[in-house]
Amino acid sequence: MEKNILIVDDCRTTRSIISLYLKSAGFKTVMAANGVDAVEKLMNTEVDFIITDLNMPQMDGIEFTKWIRTNSTIPDVPLIILTTEIDDVSRAKGLDNGASAFLNKPVSKEKLVSEINMILERAKGG
């Protein structure tokens, strides 16, 4: 069964590139422009994995991650923060608030798909 991945990023180009990477690796994708948009999408769409940017308008990646972990019906869904922020404080904040991984942009298709597969294996106890 294909895994459905939600891509949350305020840059349309980034969403499209990540979606192409994932579709070519056999995943299905849903896209959202920010955390608020993502929350709305999650009301009607089942997802198996989330990739979110950190810096977005309306609801940033940390707020969105906190919402997933505390308020959603899918608190255990794996989530990667994918961002241009490279400082240790941002990384620690993301991981402390429930991100499964913290990757920096730009990311290669191989690195992203490898990280997703590794997290999915870990999540199912593999």
PDB file of N, CA and C in Angstrom:
ATOM      1  N   MET A   1       0.826  -1.187   0.000  1.00  0.00           N
ATOM      2  CA  MET A   1       0.000   0.000   0.000  1.00  0.00           C
ATOM      3  C   MET A   1       0.871   1.251   0.000  1.00  0.00           C
ATOM      4  N   GLU A   2       0.540   2.183  -0.870  1.00  0.00           N
ATOM      5  CA  GLU A   2       1.297   3.430  -0.951  1.00  0.00           C
ATOM      6  C   GLU A   2       1.111   4.265   0.305  1.00  0.00           C
ATOM      7  N   LYS A   3       2.192   4.821   0.789  1.00  0.00           N
ATOM      8  CA  LYS A   3       2.121   5.731   1.930  1.00  0.00           C
ATOM      9  C   LYS A   3       1.767   7.123   1.424  1.00  0.00           C
ATOM     10  N   ASN A   4       0.902   7.807   2.143  1.00  0.00           N
ATOM     11  CA  ASN A   4       0.468   9.151   1.792  1.00  0.00           C
ATOM     12  C   ASN A   4       1.232  10.148   2.660  1.00  0.00           C
ATOM     13  N   ILE A   5       1.969  11.044   2.026  1.00  0.00           N
ATOM     14  CA  ILE A   5       2.816  11.996   2.751  1.00  0.00           C
ATOM     15  C   ILE A   5       2.302  13.415   2.557  1.00  0.00           C
ATOM     16  N   LEU A   6       2.117  14.126   3.679  1.00  0.00           N
ATOM     17  CA  LEU A   6       1.718  15.526   3.664  1.00  0.00           C
ATOM     18  C   LEU A   6       2.969  16.391   3.636  1.00  0.00           C
ATOM     19  N   ILE A   7       3.043  17.278   2.647  1.00  0.00           N
ATOM     20  CA  ILE A   7       4.164  18.209   2.499  1.00  0.00           C
ATOM     21  C   ILE A   7       3.649  19.598   2.866  1.00  0.00           C
ATOM     22  N   VAL A   8       4.242  20.202   3.903  1.00  0.00           N
ATOM     23  CA  VAL A   8       3.807  21.514   4.383  1.00  0.00           C
ATOM     24  C   VAL A   8       4.960  22.497   4.208  1.00  0.00           C
ATOM     25  N   ASP A   9       4.788  23.440   3.284  1.00  0.00           N
ATOM     26  CA  ASP A   9       5.828  24.443   3.017  1.00  0.00           C
ATOM     27  C   ASP A   9       5.171  25.630   2.342  1.00  0.00           C
ATOM     28  N   ASP A  10       5.585  26.834   2.721  1.00  0.00           N
ATOM     29  CA  ASP A  10       4.970  28.022   2.136  1.00  0.00           C
ATOM     30  C   ASP A  10       5.509  28.335   0.737  1.00  0.00           C
ATOM     31  N   CYS A  11       6.546  27.639   0.309  1.00  0.00           N
ATOM     32  CA  CYS A  11       7.089  27.836  -1.040  1.00  0.00           C
ATOM     33  C   CYS A  11       6.515  26.785  -1.991  1.00  0.00           C
ATOM     34  N   ARG A  12       5.753  27.234  -2.967  1.00  0.00           N
ATOM     35  CA  ARG A  12       5.120  26.325  -3.926  1.00  0.00           C
ATOM     36  C   ARG A  12       6.171  25.483  -4.666  1.00  0.00           C
ATOM     37  N   THR A  13       7.282  26.091  -5.033  1.00  0.00           N
ATOM     38  CA  THR A  13       8.341  25.372  -5.757  1.00  0.00           C
ATOM     39  C   THR A  13       8.901  24.241  -4.906  1.00  0.00           C
ATOM     40  N   THR A  14       9.165  24.533  -3.648  1.00  0.00           N
ATOM     41  CA  THR A  14       9.684  23.497  -2.749  1.00  0.00           C
ATOM     42  C   THR A  14       8.679  22.360  -2.607  1.00  0.00           C
ATOM     43  N   ARG A  15       7.413  22.692  -2.410  1.00  0.00           N
ATOM     44  CA  ARG A  15       6.378  21.640  -2.311  1.00  0.00           C
ATOM     45  C   ARG A  15       6.383  20.773  -3.563  1.00  0.00           C
ATOM     46  N   SER A  16       6.463  21.400  -4.718  1.00  0.00           N
ATOM     47  CA  SER A  16       6.428  20.656  -5.985  1.00  0.00           C
ATOM     48  C   SER A  16       7.639  19.752  -6.143  1.00  0.00           C
ATOM     49  N   ILE A  17       8.815  20.259  -5.806  1.00  0.00           N
ATOM     50  CA  ILE A  17      10.041  19.454  -5.935  1.00  0.00           C
ATOM     51  C   ILE A  17       9.987  18.251  -4.994  1.00  0.00           C
ATOM     52  N   ILE A  18       9.626  18.492  -3.735  1.00  0.00           N
ATOM     53  CA  ILE A  18       9.546  17.395  -2.762  1.00  0.00           C
ATOM     54  C   ILE A  18       8.499  16.378  -3.211  1.00  0.00           C
ATOM     55  N   SER A  19       7.378  16.857  -3.719  1.00  0.00           N
ATOM     56  CA  SER A  19       6.330  15.962  -4.212  1.00  0.00           C
ATOM     57  C   SER A  19       6.851  15.094  -5.364  1.00  0.00           C
ATOM     58  N   LEU A  20       7.579  15.688  -6.286  1.00  0.00           N
ATOM     59  CA  LEU A  20       8.155  14.919  -7.398  1.00  0.00           C
ATOM     60  C   LEU A  20       9.129  13.856  -6.890  1.00  0.00           C
ATOM     61  N   TYR A  21       9.980  14.237  -5.948  1.00  0.00           N
ATOM     62  CA  TYR A  21      10.909  13.268  -5.341  1.00  0.00           C
ATOM     63  C   TYR A  21      10.129  12.072  -4.788  1.00  0.00           C
ATOM     64  N   LEU A  22       9.094  12.380  -4.015  1.00  0.00           N
ATOM     65  CA  LEU A  22       8.370  11.328  -3.311  1.00  0.00           C
ATOM     66  C   LEU A  22       7.531  10.471  -4.250  1.00  0.00           C
ATOM     67  N   LYS A  23       6.880  11.103  -5.214  1.00  0.00           N
ATOM     68  CA  LYS A  23       6.085  10.337  -6.177  1.00  0.00           C
ATOM     69  C   LYS A  23       6.969   9.388  -6.975  1.00  0.00           C
ATOM     70  N   SER A  24       8.164   9.847  -7.338  1.00  0.00           N
ATOM     71  CA  SER A  24       9.063   8.980  -8.111  1.00  0.00           C
ATOM     72  C   SER A  24       9.585   7.819  -7.263  1.00  0.00           C
ATOM     73  N   ALA A  25       9.464   7.939  -5.929  1.00  0.00           N
ATOM     74  CA  ALA A  25       9.876   6.864  -5.027  1.00  0.00           C
ATOM     75  C   ALA A  25       8.693   5.992  -4.615  1.00  0.00           C
ATOM     76  N   GLY A  26       7.507   6.240  -5.197  1.00  0.00           N
ATOM     77  CA  GLY A  26       6.350   5.393  -4.936  1.00  0.00           C
ATOM     78  C   GLY A  26       5.393   5.875  -3.862  1.00  0.00           C
ATOM     79  N   PHE A  27       5.567   7.099  -3.384  1.00  0.00           N
ATOM     80  CA  PHE A  27       4.663   7.650  -2.382  1.00  0.00           C
ATOM     81  C   PHE A  27       3.573   8.487  -3.047  1.00  0.00           C
ATOM     82  N   LYS A  28       2.470   8.663  -2.325  1.00  0.00           N
ATOM     83  CA  LYS A  28       1.438   9.623  -2.729  1.00  0.00           C
ATOM     84  C   LYS A  28       1.676  10.874  -1.895  1.00  0.00           C
ATOM     85  N   THR A  29       1.261  12.039  -2.422  1.00  0.00           N
ATOM     86  CA  THR A  29       1.494  13.273  -1.671  1.00  0.00           C
ATOM     87  C   THR A  29       0.248  14.150  -1.611  1.00  0.00           C
ATOM     88  N   VAL A  30       0.183  14.918  -0.543  1.00  0.00           N
ATOM     89  CA  VAL A  30      -0.810  15.964  -0.332  1.00  0.00           C
ATOM     90  C   VAL A  30       0.003  17.183   0.054  1.00  0.00           C
ATOM     91  N   MET A  31      -0.398  18.366  -0.435  1.00  0.00           N
ATOM     92  CA  MET A  31       0.390  19.557  -0.152  1.00  0.00           C
ATOM     93  C   MET A  31      -0.416  20.608   0.587  1.00  0.00           C
ATOM     94  N   ALA A  32       0.285  21.337   1.486  1.00  0.00           N
ATOM     95  CA  ALA A  32      -0.318  22.430   2.237  1.00  0.00           C
ATOM     96  C   ALA A  32       0.672  23.587   2.293  1.00  0.00           C
ATOM     97  N   ALA A  33       0.147  24.824   2.282  1.00  0.00           N
ATOM     98  CA  ALA A  33       0.985  26.017   2.216  1.00  0.00           C
ATOM     99  C   ALA A  33       1.482  26.502   3.578  1.00  0.00           C
ATOM    100  N   ASN A  34       0.882  26.027   4.655  1.00  0.00           N
ATOM    101  CA  ASN A  34       1.317  26.400   6.002  1.00  0.00           C
ATOM    102  C   ASN A  34       0.631  25.473   7.000  1.00  0.00           C
ATOM    103  N   GLY A  35       0.925  25.682   8.279  1.00  0.00           N
ATOM    104  CA  GLY A  35       0.355  24.807   9.305  1.00  0.00           C
ATOM    105  C   GLY A  35      -1.158  24.834   9.370  1.00  0.00           C
ATOM    106  N   VAL A  36      -1.755  26.014   9.215  1.00  0.00           N
ATOM    107  CA  VAL A  36      -3.217  26.134   9.255  1.00  0.00           C
ATOM    108  C   VAL A  36      -3.835  25.353   8.095  1.00  0.00           C
ATOM    109  N   ASP A  37      -3.275  25.522   6.911  1.00  0.00           N
ATOM    110  CA  ASP A  37      -3.733  24.776   5.732  1.00  0.00           C
ATOM    111  C   ASP A  37      -3.575  23.271   5.967  1.00  0.00           C
ATOM    112  N   ALA A  38      -2.463  22.880   6.576  1.00  0.00           N
ATOM    113  CA  ALA A  38      -2.211  21.462   6.847  1.00  0.00           C
ATOM    114  C   ALA A  38      -3.237  20.884   7.814  1.00  0.00           C
ATOM    115  N   VAL A  39      -3.557  21.638   8.873  1.00  0.00           N
ATOM    116  CA  VAL A  39      -4.561  21.175   9.830  1.00  0.00           C
ATOM    117  C   VAL A  39      -5.895  20.948   9.118  1.00  0.00           C
ATOM    118  N   GLU A  40      -6.269  21.873   8.233  1.00  0.00           N
ATOM    119  CA  GLU A  40      -7.512  21.715   7.471  1.00  0.00           C
ATOM    120  C   GLU A  40      -7.454  20.480   6.581  1.00  0.00           C
ATOM    121  N   LYS A  41      -6.324  20.247   5.929  1.00  0.00           N
ATOM    122  CA  LYS A  41      -6.179  19.068   5.056  1.00  0.00           C
ATOM    123  C   LYS A  41      -6.297  17.783   5.873  1.00  0.00           C
ATOM    124  N   LEU A  42      -5.745  17.805   7.078  1.00  0.00           N
ATOM    125  CA  LEU A  42      -5.777  16.605   7.917  1.00  0.00           C
ATOM    126  C   LEU A  42      -7.177  16.254   8.396  1.00  0.00           C
ATOM    127  N   MET A  43      -8.096  17.193   8.337  1.00  0.00           N
ATOM    128  CA  MET A  43      -9.481  16.921   8.728  1.00  0.00           C
ATOM    129  C   MET A  43     -10.157  15.962   7.749  1.00  0.00           C
ATOM    130  N   ASN A  44      -9.680  15.941   6.492  1.00  0.00           N
ATOM    131  CA  ASN A  44     -10.322  15.144   5.447  1.00  0.00           C
ATOM    132  C   ASN A  44      -9.402  14.133   4.764  1.00  0.00           C
ATOM    133  N   THR A  45      -8.152  14.080   5.195  1.00  0.00           N
ATOM    134  CA  THR A  45      -7.179  13.241   4.498  1.00  0.00           C
ATOM    135  C   THR A  45      -6.373  12.433   5.501  1.00  0.00           C
ATOM    136  N   GLU A  46      -6.251  11.140   5.251  1.00  0.00           N
ATOM    137  CA  GLU A  46      -5.386  10.308   6.086  1.00  0.00           C
ATOM    138  C   GLU A  46      -3.972  10.385   5.550  1.00  0.00           C
ATOM    139  N   VAL A  47      -3.019  10.610   6.448  1.00  0.00           N
ATOM    140  CA  VAL A  47      -1.617  10.630   6.033  1.00  0.00           C
ATOM    141  C   VAL A  47      -0.809   9.673   6.893  1.00  0.00           C
ATOM    142  N   ASP A  48       0.264   9.169   6.300  1.00  0.00           N
ATOM    143  CA  ASP A  48       1.148   8.227   6.981  1.00  0.00           C
ATOM    144  C   ASP A  48       2.438   8.879   7.436  1.00  0.00           C
ATOM    145  N   PHE A  49       2.682  10.103   6.935  1.00  0.00           N
ATOM    146  CA  PHE A  49       3.963  10.765   7.189  1.00  0.00           C
ATOM    147  C   PHE A  49       3.774  12.245   6.894  1.00  0.00           C
ATOM    148  N   ILE A  50       4.530  13.102   7.589  1.00  0.00           N
ATOM    149  CA  ILE A  50       4.459  14.545   7.357  1.00  0.00           C
ATOM    150  C   ILE A  50       5.865  15.108   7.204  1.00  0.00           C
ATOM    151  N   ILE A  51       6.022  16.009   6.231  1.00  0.00           N
ATOM    152  CA  ILE A  51       7.243  16.793   6.083  1.00  0.00           C
ATOM    153  C   ILE A  51       6.821  18.245   6.193  1.00  0.00           C
ATOM    154  N   THR A  52       7.411  18.982   7.131  1.00  0.00           N
ATOM    155  CA  THR A  52       7.029  20.377   7.299  1.00  0.00           C
ATOM    156  C   THR A  52       8.240  21.301   7.324  1.00  0.00           C
ATOM    157  N   ASP A  53       8.046  22.482   6.759  1.00  0.00           N
ATOM    158  CA  ASP A  53       9.034  23.550   6.849  1.00  0.00           C
ATOM    159  C   ASP A  53       8.964  24.110   8.263  1.00  0.00           C
ATOM    160  N   LEU A  54       9.959  24.895   8.631  1.00  0.00           N
ATOM    161  CA  LEU A  54       9.970  25.520   9.946  1.00  0.00           C
ATOM    162  C   LEU A  54       9.360  26.915   9.898  1.00  0.00           C
ATOM    163  N   ASN A  55       9.834  27.733   8.977  1.00  0.00           N
ATOM    164  CA  ASN A  55       9.406  29.134   8.894  1.00  0.00           C
ATOM    165  C   ASN A  55       8.281  29.295   7.884  1.00  0.00           C
ATOM    166  N   MET A  56       7.066  29.482   8.408  1.00  0.00           N
ATOM    167  CA  MET A  56       5.882  29.663   7.557  1.00  0.00           C
ATOM    168  C   MET A  56       4.955  30.675   8.219  1.00  0.00           C
ATOM    169  N   PRO A  57       4.136  31.358   7.416  1.00  0.00           N
ATOM    170  CA  PRO A  57       3.157  32.283   8.000  1.00  0.00           C
ATOM    171  C   PRO A  57       2.002  31.522   8.650  1.00  0.00           C
ATOM    172  N   GLN A  58       1.257  32.204   9.494  1.00  0.00           N
ATOM    173  CA  GLN A  58       0.055  31.720  10.169  1.00  0.00           C
ATOM    174  C   GLN A  58       0.333  30.685  11.247  1.00  0.00           C
ATOM    175  N   MET A  59       0.989  29.590  10.924  1.00  0.00           N
ATOM    176  CA  MET A  59       1.357  28.570  11.907  1.00  0.00           C
ATOM    177  C   MET A  59       2.677  27.973  11.435  1.00  0.00           C
ATOM    178  N   ASP A  60       3.742  28.205  12.201  1.00  0.00           N
ATOM    179  CA  ASP A  60       5.052  27.714  11.758  1.00  0.00           C
ATOM    180  C   ASP A  60       5.202  26.211  12.036  1.00  0.00           C
ATOM    181  N   GLY A  61       6.331  25.673  11.637  1.00  0.00           N
ATOM    182  CA  GLY A  61       6.557  24.235  11.759  1.00  0.00           C
ATOM    183  C   GLY A  61       6.568  23.723  13.187  1.00  0.00           C
ATOM    184  N   ILE A  62       7.089  24.528  14.121  1.00  0.00           N
ATOM    185  CA  ILE A  62       7.098  24.111  15.528  1.00  0.00           C
ATOM    186  C   ILE A  62       5.669  24.075  16.069  1.00  0.00           C
ATOM    187  N   GLU A  63       4.901  25.131  15.809  1.00  0.00           N
ATOM    188  CA  GLU A  63       3.504  25.158  16.262  1.00  0.00           C
ATOM    189  C   GLU A  63       2.722  23.994  15.658  1.00  0.00           C
ATOM    190  N   PHE A  64       2.941  23.736  14.372  1.00  0.00           N
ATOM    191  CA  PHE A  64       2.247  22.643  13.698  1.00  0.00           C
ATOM    192  C   PHE A  64       2.641  21.291  14.306  1.00  0.00           C
ATOM    193  N   THR A  65       3.930  21.108  14.555  1.00  0.00           N
ATOM    194  CA  THR A  65       4.410  19.862  15.167  1.00  0.00           C
ATOM    195  C   THR A  65       3.787  19.672  16.540  1.00  0.00           C
ATOM    196  N   LYS A  66       3.758  20.731  17.346  1.00  0.00           N
ATOM    197  CA  LYS A  66       3.114  20.664  18.667  1.00  0.00           C
ATOM    198  C   LYS A  66       1.639  20.280  18.522  1.00  0.00           C
ATOM    199  N   TRP A  67       0.950  20.868  17.540  1.00  0.00           N
ATOM    200  CA  TRP A  67      -0.460  20.558  17.326  1.00  0.00           C
ATOM    201  C   TRP A  67      -0.633  19.081  16.993  1.00  0.00           C
ATOM    202  N   ILE A  68       0.200  18.572  16.101  1.00  0.00           N
ATOM    203  CA  ILE A  68       0.124  17.149  15.717  1.00  0.00           C
ATOM    204  C   ILE A  68       0.291  16.272  16.951  1.00  0.00           C
ATOM    205  N   ARG A  69       1.291  16.587  17.754  1.00  0.00           N
ATOM    206  CA  ARG A  69       1.620  15.736  18.904  1.00  0.00           C
ATOM    207  C   ARG A  69       0.608  15.840  20.051  1.00  0.00           C
ATOM    208  N   THR A  70      -0.140  16.937  20.150  1.00  0.00           N
ATOM    209  CA  THR A  70      -1.020  17.105  21.305  1.00  0.00           C
ATOM    210  C   THR A  70      -2.512  17.190  20.987  1.00  0.00           C
ATOM    211  N   ASN A  71      -2.879  17.657  19.798  1.00  0.00           N
ATOM    212  CA  ASN A  71      -4.288  17.914  19.520  1.00  0.00           C
ATOM    213  C   ASN A  71      -4.888  17.081  18.405  1.00  0.00           C
ATOM    214  N   SER A  72      -4.083  16.436  17.648  1.00  0.00           N
ATOM    215  CA  SER A  72      -4.613  15.755  16.462  1.00  0.00           C
ATOM    216  C   SER A  72      -5.043  14.330  16.791  1.00  0.00           C
ATOM    217  N   THR A  73      -5.684  13.700  15.824  1.00  0.00           N
ATOM    218  CA  THR A  73      -6.067  12.294  15.969  1.00  0.00           C
ATOM    219  C   THR A  73      -4.935  11.379  15.512  1.00  0.00           C
ATOM    220  N   ILE A  74      -3.821  11.975  15.081  1.00  0.00           N
ATOM    221  CA  ILE A  74      -2.677  11.193  14.605  1.00  0.00           C
ATOM    222  C   ILE A  74      -1.392  11.609  15.332  1.00  0.00           C
ATOM    223  N   PRO A  75      -1.370  11.549  16.653  1.00  0.00           N
ATOM    224  CA  PRO A  75      -0.216  12.062  17.392  1.00  0.00           C
ATOM    225  C   PRO A  75       1.086  11.301  17.151  1.00  0.00           C
ATOM    226  N   ASP A  76       0.992  10.086  16.634  1.00  0.00           N
ATOM    227  CA  ASP A  76       2.187   9.275  16.439  1.00  0.00           C
ATOM    228  C   ASP A  76       2.704   9.252  15.003  1.00  0.00           C
ATOM    229  N   VAL A  77       2.072  10.018  14.113  1.00  0.00           N
ATOM    230  CA  VAL A  77       2.523  10.008  12.722  1.00  0.00           C
ATOM    231  C   VAL A  77       3.962  10.540  12.653  1.00  0.00           C
ATOM    232  N   PRO A  78       4.838   9.853  11.915  1.00  0.00           N
ATOM    233  CA  PRO A  78       6.208  10.348  11.776  1.00  0.00           C
ATOM    234  C   PRO A  78       6.214  11.714  11.079  1.00  0.00           C
ATOM    235  N   LEU A  79       7.128  12.581  11.523  1.00  0.00           N
ATOM    236  CA  LEU A  79       7.178  13.947  11.004  1.00  0.00           C
ATOM    237  C   LEU A  79       8.627  14.398  10.882  1.00  0.00           C
ATOM    238  N   ILE A  80       8.983  14.895   9.710  1.00  0.00           N
ATOM    239  CA  ILE A  80      10.316  15.465   9.471  1.00  0.00           C
ATOM    240  C   ILE A  80      10.174  16.970   9.324  1.00  0.00           C
ATOM    241  N   ILE A  81      11.039  17.708  10.004  1.00  0.00           N
ATOM    242  CA  ILE A  81      11.151  19.146   9.741  1.00  0.00           C
ATOM    243  C   ILE A  81      12.251  19.308   8.702  1.00  0.00           C
ATOM    244  N   LEU A  82      11.901  19.963   7.597  1.00  0.00           N
ATOM    245  CA  LEU A  82      12.830  20.211   6.492  1.00  0.00           C
ATOM    246  C   LEU A  82      12.943  21.718   6.343  1.00  0.00           C
ATOM    247  N   THR A  83      14.121  22.282   6.633  1.00  0.00           N
ATOM    248  CA  THR A  83      14.254  23.729   6.738  1.00  0.00           C
ATOM    249  C   THR A  83      15.627  24.232   6.307  1.00  0.00           C
ATOM    250  N   THR A  84      15.721  25.524   6.101  1.00  0.00           N
ATOM    251  CA  THR A  84      17.010  26.162   5.814  1.00  0.00           C
ATOM    252  C   THR A  84      17.736  26.517   7.108  1.00  0.00           C
ATOM    253  N   GLU A  85      17.039  26.435   8.233  1.00  0.00           N
ATOM    254  CA  GLU A  85      17.659  26.748   9.534  1.00  0.00           C
ATOM    255  C   GLU A  85      18.683  25.666   9.878  1.00  0.00           C
ATOM    256  N   ILE A  86      19.915  26.079  10.131  1.00  0.00           N
ATOM    257  CA  ILE A  86      20.959  25.088  10.395  1.00  0.00           C
ATOM    258  C   ILE A  86      21.506  25.159  11.822  1.00  0.00           C
ATOM    259  N   ASP A  87      20.923  26.039  12.638  1.00  0.00           N
ATOM    260  CA  ASP A  87      21.465  26.202  13.988  1.00  0.00           C
ATOM    261  C   ASP A  87      20.978  25.095  14.924  1.00  0.00           C
ATOM    262  N   ASP A  88      21.779  24.847  15.946  1.00  0.00           N
ATOM    263  CA  ASP A  88      21.478  23.784  16.909  1.00  0.00           C
ATOM    264  C   ASP A  88      20.227  24.074  17.731  1.00  0.00           C
ATOM    265  N   VAL A  89      19.938  25.357  17.975  1.00  0.00           N
ATOM    266  CA  VAL A  89      18.755  25.713  18.761  1.00  0.00           C
ATOM    267  C   VAL A  89      17.483  25.315  18.016  1.00  0.00           C
ATOM    268  N   SER A  90      17.415  25.631  16.712  1.00  0.00           N
ATOM    269  CA  SER A  90      16.240  25.251  15.913  1.00  0.00           C
ATOM    270  C   SER A  90      16.096  23.738  15.841  1.00  0.00           C
ATOM    271  N   ARG A  91      17.221  23.063  15.651  1.00  0.00           N
ATOM    272  CA  ARG A  91      17.210  21.595  15.578  1.00  0.00           C
ATOM    273  C   ARG A  91      16.676  21.008  16.890  1.00  0.00           C
ATOM    274  N   ALA A  92      17.216  21.472  18.006  1.00  0.00           N
ATOM    275  CA  ALA A  92      16.797  20.957  19.311  1.00  0.00           C
ATOM    276  C   ALA A  92      15.321  21.255  19.567  1.00  0.00           C
ATOM    277  N   LYS A  93      14.880  22.458  19.201  1.00  0.00           N
ATOM    278  CA  LYS A  93      13.478  22.835  19.411  1.00  0.00           C
ATOM    279  C   LYS A  93      12.552  21.919  18.602  1.00  0.00           C
ATOM    280  N   GLY A  94      12.931  21.644  17.353  1.00  0.00           N
ATOM    281  CA  GLY A  94      12.124  20.760  16.515  1.00  0.00           C
ATOM    282  C   GLY A  94      12.043  19.349  17.075  1.00  0.00           C
ATOM    283  N   LEU A  95      13.180  18.808  17.438  1.00  0.00           N
ATOM    284  CA  LEU A  95      13.212  17.440  17.961  1.00  0.00           C
ATOM    285  C   LEU A  95      12.534  17.350  19.326  1.00  0.00           C
ATOM    286  N   ASP A  96      12.736  18.375  20.175  1.00  0.00           N
ATOM    287  CA  ASP A  96      12.104  18.390  21.500  1.00  0.00           C
ATOM    288  C   ASP A  96      10.582  18.472  21.414  1.00  0.00           C
ATOM    289  N   ASN A  97      10.068  19.036  20.336  1.00  0.00           N
ATOM    290  CA  ASN A  97       8.621  19.174  20.186  1.00  0.00           C
ATOM    291  C   ASN A  97       7.996  18.040  19.383  1.00  0.00           C
ATOM    292  N   GLY A  98       8.768  17.010  19.091  1.00  0.00           N
ATOM    293  CA  GLY A  98       8.175  15.813  18.516  1.00  0.00           C
ATOM    294  C   GLY A  98       8.539  15.451  17.091  1.00  0.00           C
ATOM    295  N   ALA A  99       9.457  16.200  16.473  1.00  0.00           N
ATOM    296  CA  ALA A  99       9.869  15.817  15.121  1.00  0.00           C
ATOM    297  C   ALA A  99      10.650  14.508  15.174  1.00  0.00           C
ATOM    298  N   SER A 100      10.437  13.658  14.185  1.00  0.00           N
ATOM    299  CA  SER A 100      11.172  12.393  14.088  1.00  0.00           C
ATOM    300  C   SER A 100      12.582  12.626  13.574  1.00  0.00           C
ATOM    301  N   ALA A 101      12.747  13.696  12.776  1.00  0.00           N
ATOM    302  CA  ALA A 101      14.052  14.044  12.214  1.00  0.00           C
ATOM    303  C   ALA A 101      14.031  15.514  11.818  1.00  0.00           C
ATOM    304  N   PHE A 102      15.216  16.067  11.634  1.00  0.00           N
ATOM    305  CA  PHE A 102      15.381  17.473  11.278  1.00  0.00           C
ATOM    306  C   PHE A 102      16.399  17.506  10.152  1.00  0.00           C
ATOM    307  N   LEU A 103      15.954  17.858   8.948  1.00  0.00           N
ATOM    308  CA  LEU A 103      16.840  17.886   7.783  1.00  0.00           C
ATOM    309  C   LEU A 103      16.955  19.299   7.243  1.00  0.00           C
ATOM    310  N   ASN A 104      18.095  19.567   6.624  1.00  0.00           N
ATOM    311  CA  ASN A 104      18.321  20.887   6.063  1.00  0.00           C
ATOM    312  C   ASN A 104      18.105  20.905   4.557  1.00  0.00           C
ATOM    313  N   LYS A 105      17.537  22.040   4.094  1.00  0.00           N
ATOM    314  CA  LYS A 105      17.388  22.305   2.660  1.00  0.00           C
ATOM    315  C   LYS A 105      18.698  22.899   2.168  1.00  0.00           C
ATOM    316  N   PRO A 106      19.044  22.645   0.939  1.00  0.00           N
ATOM    317  CA  PRO A 106      18.377  21.703   0.028  1.00  0.00           C
ATOM    318  C   PRO A 106      18.716  20.269   0.418  1.00  0.00           C
ATOM    319  N   VAL A 107      17.783  19.369   0.119  1.00  0.00           N
ATOM    320  CA  VAL A 107      17.990  17.959   0.424  1.00  0.00           C
ATOM    321  C   VAL A 107      17.871  17.169  -0.875  1.00  0.00           C
ATOM    322  N   SER A 108      18.689  16.157  -1.005  1.00  0.00           N
ATOM    323  CA  SER A 108      18.616  15.324  -2.213  1.00  0.00           C
ATOM    324  C   SER A 108      17.454  14.352  -2.083  1.00  0.00           C
ATOM    325  N   LYS A 109      16.981  13.912  -3.218  1.00  0.00           N
ATOM    326  CA  LYS A 109      15.911  12.907  -3.234  1.00  0.00           C
ATOM    327  C   LYS A 109      16.360  11.682  -2.455  1.00  0.00           C
ATOM    328  N   GLU A 110      17.592  11.235  -2.692  1.00  0.00           N
ATOM    329  CA  GLU A 110      18.098  10.028  -2.051  1.00  0.00           C
ATOM    330  C   GLU A 110      18.114  10.162  -0.527  1.00  0.00           C
ATOM    331  N   LYS A 111      18.596  11.301  -0.041  1.00  0.00           N
ATOM    332  CA  LYS A 111      18.668  11.530   1.412  1.00  0.00           C
ATOM    333  C   LYS A 111      17.268  11.556   2.017  1.00  0.00           C
ATOM    334  N   LEU A 112      16.342  12.274   1.379  1.00  0.00           N
ATOM    335  CA  LEU A 112      14.990  12.398   1.899  1.00  0.00           C
ATOM    336  C   LEU A 112      14.274  11.049   1.922  1.00  0.00           C
ATOM    337  N   VAL A 113      14.309  10.335   0.816  1.00  0.00           N
ATOM    338  CA  VAL A 113      13.628   9.038   0.724  1.00  0.00           C
ATOM    339  C   VAL A 113      14.249   8.038   1.703  1.00  0.00           C
ATOM    340  N   SER A 114      15.567   8.055   1.830  1.00  0.00           N
ATOM    341  CA  SER A 114      16.251   7.167   2.766  1.00  0.00           C
ATOM    342  C   SER A 114      15.813   7.450   4.206  1.00  0.00           C
ATOM    343  N   GLU A 115      15.747   8.725   4.560  1.00  0.00           N
ATOM    344  CA  GLU A 115      15.328   9.112   5.920  1.00  0.00           C
ATOM    345  C   GLU A 115      13.884   8.686   6.185  1.00  0.00           C
ATOM    346  N   ILE A 116      13.002   8.922   5.217  1.00  0.00           N
ATOM    347  CA  ILE A 116      11.598   8.528   5.367  1.00  0.00           C
ATOM    348  C   ILE A 116      11.487   7.019   5.556  1.00  0.00           C
ATOM    349  N   ASN A 117      12.153   6.255   4.719  1.00  0.00           N
ATOM    350  CA  ASN A 117      12.081   4.799   4.818  1.00  0.00           C
ATOM    351  C   ASN A 117      12.626   4.298   6.136  1.00  0.00           C
ATOM    352  N   MET A 118      13.720   4.906   6.615  1.00  0.00           N
ATOM    353  CA  MET A 118      14.315   4.506   7.898  1.00  0.00           C
ATOM    354  C   MET A 118      13.332   4.796   9.047  1.00  0.00           C
ATOM    355  N   ILE A 119      12.697   5.960   9.023  1.00  0.00           N
ATOM    356  CA  ILE A 119      11.743   6.317  10.081  1.00  0.00           C
ATOM    357  C   ILE A 119      10.518   5.415  10.031  1.00  0.00           C
ATOM    358  N   LEU A 120      10.021   5.117   8.826  1.00  0.00           N
ATOM    359  CA  LEU A 120       8.875   4.218   8.702  1.00  0.00           C
ATOM    360  C   LEU A 120       9.199   2.814   9.215  1.00  0.00           C
ATOM    361  N   GLU A 121      10.409   2.323   8.930  1.00  0.00           N
ATOM    362  CA  GLU A 121      10.827   1.009   9.433  1.00  0.00           C
ATOM    363  C   GLU A 121      10.858   1.010  10.954  1.00  0.00           C
ATOM    364  N   ARG A 122      11.440   2.064  11.519  1.00  0.00           N
ATOM    365  CA  ARG A 122      11.518   2.196  12.979  1.00  0.00           C
ATOM    366  C   ARG A 122      10.120   2.248  13.592  1.00  0.00           C
ATOM    367  N   ALA A 123       9.210   2.959  12.934  1.00  0.00           N
ATOM    368  CA  ALA A 123       7.843   3.132  13.451  1.00  0.00           C
ATOM    369  C   ALA A 123       7.078   1.806  13.497  1.00  0.00           C
ATOM    370  N   LYS A 124       7.363   0.926  12.551  1.00  0.00           N
ATOM    371  CA  LYS A 124       6.654  -0.361  12.563  1.00  0.00           C
ATOM    372  C   LYS A 124       7.427  -1.436  13.318  1.00  0.00           C
ATOM    373  N   GLY A 125       8.505  -1.007  13.974  1.00  0.00           N
ATOM    374  CA  GLY A 125       9.255  -1.944  14.801  1.00  0.00           C
ATOM    375  C   GLY A 125      10.263  -2.760  14.040  1.00  0.00           C
ATOM    376  N   GLY A 126      10.623  -2.264  12.826  1.00  0.00           N
ATOM    377  CA  GLY A 126      11.572  -3.000  11.996  1.00  0.00           C
ATOM    378  C   GLY A 126      12.915  -2.632  12.329  1.00  0.00           C
TER     379      GLY A 126
END
